[in-house]
Amino acid sequence: MSPAGHVHPAAAIGFQAGAERYERGRPSYPAEAIAAFVSALAIEGGTELLELGAGTGKFTALLVTTGAHVTAVEPIAAMRAVLERNVPSARVLEGTAESIPVADRSVDAVAVAQAFHWFDAGQALVEIHRVLRTRGRLGLIWNVRDESAAWSRRLTAIYDRLSGVENPRYKHRAWQPAFQRSDAFTPLEYRSFPYVHDATREAFLDRVLSVSYVASAPPDVRDEVTREVTELLETEPELAGQDTIAMPYTTDVYWCERR
C-alpha cells in the first residue's frame, strides 16, 4: 500500500481477480502459532480486536473463536465479499492500514496476518498507535514457504520472475526498519513454528495462481505459469503421482506493545 493508503497495484489487481483462488489455495495456521499469538496479545473474551488486511478471513475465522469482538479491515471488495461470507460474526470495514476507519484509542489489540509487508510501514505504525489503547498490543503473523526442498526452490523460480524489481514479499523484510525507527512501540518479540500444509494438486495450483503478481499477470502469462507448475507436479520425484502435496512452511509470529 502507498503512503496515501492506496493499495499496491499488484495487490489491487491480483487479489481482486484471485480472491476465490486465494481462499482455496492459502493455508491456515498451526495451532501452536495461534496459541502463541493469542497469548502474546492477551486476547480473550470481550477483547476489542482489530485485524488489518484481513483478506478472505483465513486468520479472522481463528480470531473470532477466542470470544474477542473482531473488527476486520480489508480494502479489496472481492476479498471482503469472501470474508463476510466466511466470518459473518466479524464486523467488516473497508479501509487500509494507513487510514484505519476506527476511533482513537478504541481497540485493545491489532492483528495482521500475511499483510504487513504490503503496508507503508511507517504510516501504518502511526495509525496503529492512534487506534490502540495504552499498552495495547500489535501482532504480526506470516506463513513463509520453506524452500529447503529442490522442488520448492523450482516453484519459487517459476513465479518469482513475474515479481519485478518492486517485489514486496515478506522474506525481504523491508518492513522491519520502521519498527526500529519508532519509539511508539516496545521492541518486536519473535517466535517461529514449523508447519506442513497438506494440499490437493488443485489447491497447490490455486496457491501459486493466488500470488498477487501471478494473479495480476495477463492471461497468457498465467497460462504459462499453470503449464510450468503442472509440469513440476508431474516431473519432480517428491510430487509425481501424489494426490496430496505436503507443503512445508515456517510460521513467524512477531509482537510488541504500544508505549
Protein backbone atom coordinates (compact mmCIF):
# COMPACT_ATOMS: atom_id res chain seq x y z
CA MET A 1 0.00 0.00 0.00
CA SER A 2 1.15 3.52 -0.70
CA PRO A 3 1.63 6.40 1.73
CA ALA A 4 -1.76 7.73 0.66
CA GLY A 5 -3.39 4.47 1.71
CA HIS A 6 -3.93 3.22 -1.83
CA VAL A 7 -3.48 -0.48 -2.40
CA HIS A 8 -0.32 -1.61 -4.22
CA PRO A 9 -1.31 -2.24 -7.88
CA ALA A 10 -0.19 -5.89 -7.79
CA ALA A 11 -2.37 -6.48 -4.73
CA ALA A 12 -5.32 -4.46 -6.01
CA ILE A 13 -5.48 -6.29 -9.34
CA GLY A 14 -4.27 -9.71 -8.25
CA PHE A 15 -6.31 -10.10 -5.08
CA GLN A 16 -9.44 -8.63 -6.67
CA ALA A 17 -9.19 -11.13 -9.53
CA GLY A 18 -7.98 -14.06 -7.45
CA ALA A 19 -9.96 -13.86 -4.19
CA GLU A 20 -11.59 -17.27 -4.60
CA ARG A 21 -8.27 -18.90 -5.55
CA TYR A 22 -6.71 -17.23 -2.51
CA GLU A 23 -9.36 -18.73 -0.28
CA ARG A 24 -8.97 -22.21 -1.76
CA GLY A 25 -5.19 -22.28 -2.00
CA ARG A 26 -3.80 -20.45 1.01
CA PRO A 27 -3.05 -22.44 4.17
CA SER A 28 -4.41 -21.82 7.64
CA TYR A 29 -2.02 -21.56 10.64
CA PRO A 30 -0.64 -24.14 13.09
CA ALA A 31 -2.33 -24.41 16.47
CA GLU A 32 0.91 -23.67 18.37
CA ALA A 33 1.41 -20.40 16.49
CA ILE A 34 -2.20 -19.35 17.04
CA ALA A 35 -1.90 -20.05 20.77
CA ALA A 36 1.33 -18.05 20.98
CA PHE A 37 -0.24 -15.16 19.08
CA VAL A 38 -3.34 -15.07 21.26
CA SER A 39 -1.25 -15.24 24.44
CA ALA A 40 1.19 -12.53 23.31
CA LEU A 41 -1.64 -10.13 22.51
CA ALA A 42 -3.62 -11.07 25.67
CA ILE A 43 -6.69 -11.80 23.53
CA GLU A 44 -9.68 -13.16 25.44
CA GLY A 45 -13.45 -12.92 25.52
CA GLY A 46 -14.52 -9.30 25.17
CA THR A 47 -11.19 -8.03 23.79
CA GLU A 48 -11.70 -5.27 21.23
CA LEU A 49 -9.57 -6.70 18.44
CA LEU A 50 -8.80 -5.08 15.09
CA GLU A 51 -7.44 -7.04 12.13
CA LEU A 52 -5.84 -5.14 9.25
CA GLY A 53 -5.57 -6.52 5.72
CA ALA A 54 -7.92 -9.32 6.70
CA GLY A 55 -8.21 -10.74 3.17
CA THR A 56 -10.68 -13.60 2.85
CA GLY A 57 -10.74 -14.20 6.60
CA LYS A 58 -8.28 -17.10 6.94
CA PHE A 59 -6.98 -15.66 10.22
CA THR A 60 -10.18 -13.80 11.15
CA ALA A 61 -12.02 -17.11 11.47
CA LEU A 62 -9.48 -18.21 14.08
CA LEU A 63 -9.62 -14.92 15.98
CA VAL A 64 -13.40 -14.97 16.47
CA THR A 65 -13.16 -18.32 18.26
CA THR A 66 -11.43 -16.53 21.17
CA GLY A 67 -14.61 -14.63 22.00
CA ALA A 68 -12.99 -11.31 21.09
CA HIS A 69 -15.03 -8.59 19.37
CA VAL A 70 -13.33 -8.65 15.96
CA THR A 71 -13.34 -5.76 13.50
CA ALA A 72 -11.74 -6.78 10.19
CA VAL A 73 -10.48 -4.09 7.80
CA GLU A 74 -9.87 -5.02 4.15
CA PRO A 75 -9.51 -2.64 1.17
CA ILE A 76 -10.33 -5.01 -1.70
CA ALA A 77 -14.01 -5.60 -2.43
CA ALA A 78 -13.68 -9.18 -3.71
CA MET A 79 -11.72 -10.19 -0.62
CA ARG A 80 -14.27 -8.51 1.68
CA ALA A 81 -17.10 -10.42 -0.02
CA VAL A 82 -15.43 -13.75 0.79
CA LEU A 83 -14.56 -12.55 4.29
CA GLU A 84 -18.15 -11.56 5.05
CA ARG A 85 -19.36 -14.93 3.76
CA ASN A 86 -16.82 -16.93 5.75
CA VAL A 87 -16.83 -14.98 9.02
CA PRO A 88 -20.29 -13.44 9.44
CA SER A 89 -19.71 -12.73 13.14
CA ALA A 90 -16.89 -10.26 12.41
CA ARG A 91 -17.54 -6.58 11.78
CA VAL A 92 -16.07 -5.94 8.31
CA LEU A 93 -14.98 -2.46 7.17
CA GLU A 94 -13.42 -1.09 4.02
CA GLY A 95 -10.13 0.65 4.75
CA THR A 96 -6.36 0.49 4.79
CA ALA A 97 -3.66 0.25 7.44
CA GLU A 98 -2.56 3.79 6.59
CA SER A 99 -6.05 5.21 7.15
CA ILE A 100 -7.83 2.99 9.68
CA PRO A 101 -11.60 3.62 9.89
CA VAL A 102 -11.92 3.37 13.70
CA ALA A 103 -11.68 5.91 16.53
CA ASP A 104 -8.63 6.89 18.56
CA ARG A 105 -7.72 4.51 21.41
CA SER A 106 -10.67 2.24 20.64
CA VAL A 107 -9.03 -1.20 20.44
CA ASP A 108 -7.08 -3.44 22.80
CA ALA A 109 -5.07 -5.26 20.15
CA VAL A 110 -4.26 -5.16 16.43
CA ALA A 111 -3.59 -8.29 14.36
CA VAL A 112 -2.04 -8.50 10.90
CA ALA A 113 -1.78 -11.83 9.04
CA GLN A 114 0.16 -12.20 5.76
CA ALA A 115 -0.21 -8.47 5.08
CA PHE A 116 2.13 -6.07 6.88
CA HIS A 117 4.72 -6.27 4.08
CA TRP A 118 2.14 -4.62 1.80
CA PHE A 119 1.73 -1.60 4.08
CA ASP A 120 3.60 1.68 4.18
CA ALA A 121 5.14 0.55 7.46
CA GLY A 122 5.89 3.95 8.95
CA GLN A 123 2.45 5.39 8.28
CA ALA A 124 0.74 2.18 9.37
CA LEU A 125 2.55 2.26 12.72
CA VAL A 126 1.38 5.86 13.29
CA GLU A 127 -2.21 4.80 12.62
CA ILE A 128 -1.96 1.62 14.70
CA HIS A 129 -0.56 3.66 17.60
CA ARG A 130 -3.51 6.06 17.23
CA VAL A 131 -6.20 3.37 17.47
CA LEU A 132 -4.59 1.27 20.23
CA ARG A 133 -5.30 1.90 23.87
CA THR A 134 -2.39 2.43 26.25
CA ARG A 135 -0.34 -0.78 26.47
CA GLY A 136 -2.39 -2.27 23.65
CA ARG A 137 -0.54 -4.83 21.58
CA LEU A 138 0.25 -5.38 17.92
CA GLY A 139 0.81 -8.86 16.49
CA LEU A 140 2.06 -9.93 13.06
CA ILE A 141 1.98 -13.44 11.62
CA TRP A 142 3.20 -14.97 8.35
CA ASN A 143 3.33 -18.42 6.82
CA VAL A 144 6.63 -18.45 4.93
CA ARG A 145 7.31 -21.25 2.46
CA ASP A 146 10.25 -23.47 3.38
CA GLU A 147 12.49 -23.57 0.31
CA SER A 148 14.89 -26.26 1.52
CA ALA A 149 13.46 -28.80 -0.97
CA ALA A 150 14.62 -28.56 -4.58
CA TRP A 151 11.04 -28.62 -5.87
CA SER A 152 10.12 -25.67 -3.64
CA ARG A 153 13.02 -23.62 -4.99
CA ARG A 154 11.98 -24.57 -8.52
CA LEU A 155 8.44 -23.44 -7.75
CA THR A 156 9.70 -20.09 -6.49
CA ALA A 157 11.74 -19.61 -9.66
CA ILE A 158 8.64 -20.22 -11.81
CA TYR A 159 6.65 -17.32 -10.46
CA ASP A 160 9.28 -15.02 -9.00
CA ARG A 161 10.28 -13.87 -12.45
CA LEU A 162 6.92 -12.04 -12.57
CA SER A 163 7.54 -10.03 -9.40
CA GLY A 164 9.76 -7.38 -10.97
CA VAL A 165 12.05 -5.06 -9.06
CA GLU A 166 9.39 -3.98 -6.54
CA ASN A 167 8.75 -7.38 -5.01
CA PRO A 168 7.18 -6.66 -1.60
CA ARG A 169 7.29 -10.23 -0.36
CA TYR A 170 7.71 -10.90 3.32
CA LYS A 171 11.12 -12.51 3.03
CA HIS A 172 12.71 -9.20 2.05
CA ARG A 173 11.66 -7.90 5.50
CA ALA A 174 11.69 -4.32 4.29
CA TRP A 175 9.07 -3.54 6.92
CA GLN A 176 11.32 -4.16 9.92
CA PRO A 177 13.35 -0.90 9.95
CA ALA A 178 10.14 1.08 10.58
CA PHE A 179 9.83 -0.68 13.95
CA GLN A 180 13.47 0.01 14.72
CA ARG A 181 13.00 3.73 13.99
CA SER A 182 9.79 4.04 16.00
CA ASP A 183 9.75 4.85 19.70
CA ALA A 184 5.97 4.36 19.85
CA PHE A 185 6.23 0.60 20.47
CA THR A 186 8.38 -1.74 22.51
CA PRO A 187 10.95 -3.81 20.54
CA LEU A 188 9.50 -6.65 18.49
CA GLU A 189 9.48 -10.09 20.08
CA TYR A 190 9.54 -13.18 17.89
CA ARG A 191 8.78 -16.90 17.76
CA SER A 192 8.64 -19.33 14.83
CA PHE A 193 6.89 -22.65 14.33
CA PRO A 194 7.25 -25.41 11.72
CA TYR A 195 4.10 -26.14 9.74
CA VAL A 196 3.14 -28.57 6.98
CA HIS A 197 0.06 -27.80 4.92
CA ASP A 198 -1.43 -30.73 3.03
CA ALA A 199 -2.84 -29.51 -0.27
CA THR A 200 -4.57 -31.29 -3.11
CA ARG A 201 -2.98 -30.84 -6.52
CA GLU A 202 -5.79 -28.38 -7.36
CA ALA A 203 -5.17 -26.39 -4.17
CA PHE A 204 -1.43 -26.42 -4.88
CA LEU A 205 -2.08 -24.75 -8.22
CA ASP A 206 -4.53 -22.32 -6.63
CA ARG A 207 -1.80 -21.39 -4.13
CA VAL A 208 0.54 -20.42 -6.94
CA LEU A 209 -2.09 -18.63 -9.02
CA SER A 210 -3.26 -16.64 -5.96
CA VAL A 211 0.14 -14.94 -5.64
CA SER A 212 -0.56 -11.28 -6.35
CA TYR A 213 1.85 -10.76 -9.21
CA VAL A 214 0.75 -14.03 -10.85
CA ALA A 215 -2.96 -13.28 -10.46
CA SER A 216 -2.44 -9.77 -11.89
CA ALA A 217 -0.46 -11.01 -14.92
CA PRO A 218 -2.00 -11.23 -18.42
CA PRO A 219 -3.95 -14.44 -19.17
CA ASP A 220 -1.26 -15.87 -21.44
CA VAL A 221 1.34 -15.44 -18.71
CA ARG A 222 -0.90 -17.16 -16.16
CA ASP A 223 -1.45 -19.97 -18.65
CA GLU A 224 2.31 -20.42 -18.95
CA VAL A 225 2.69 -20.49 -15.15
CA THR A 226 -0.07 -23.11 -14.99
CA ARG A 227 1.74 -25.20 -17.60
CA GLU A 228 5.07 -24.96 -15.74
CA VAL A 229 3.55 -25.81 -12.36
CA THR A 230 1.69 -28.77 -13.87
CA GLU A 231 4.97 -29.97 -15.35
CA LEU A 232 6.65 -29.59 -11.95
CA LEU A 233 3.92 -31.70 -10.33
CA GLU A 234 4.41 -34.40 -12.95
CA THR A 235 8.23 -34.50 -13.03
CA GLU A 236 9.53 -33.79 -9.52
CA PRO A 237 10.14 -37.15 -7.77
CA GLU A 238 8.66 -35.96 -4.47
CA LEU A 239 5.48 -34.74 -6.17
CA ALA A 240 4.82 -37.02 -9.14
CA GLY A 241 1.84 -39.29 -8.63
CA GLN A 242 0.86 -37.70 -5.32
CA ASP A 243 -2.77 -36.76 -4.77
CA THR A 244 -1.82 -34.66 -1.75
CA ILE A 245 1.22 -32.36 -1.61
CA ALA A 246 2.88 -31.69 1.75
CA MET A 247 3.82 -28.01 1.56
CA PRO A 248 6.35 -27.06 4.28
CA TYR A 249 6.21 -23.64 5.92
CA THR A 250 7.67 -21.75 8.83
CA THR A 251 5.09 -19.67 10.69
CA ASP A 252 6.63 -16.47 12.07
CA VAL A 253 4.95 -14.58 14.92
CA TYR A 254 6.00 -11.06 16.00
CA TRP A 255 4.51 -8.83 18.64
CA CYS A 256 5.08 -5.58 20.53
CA GLU A 257 3.27 -3.20 22.87
CA ARG A 258 2.12 0.40 22.46
CA ARG A 259 4.07 2.85 24.56
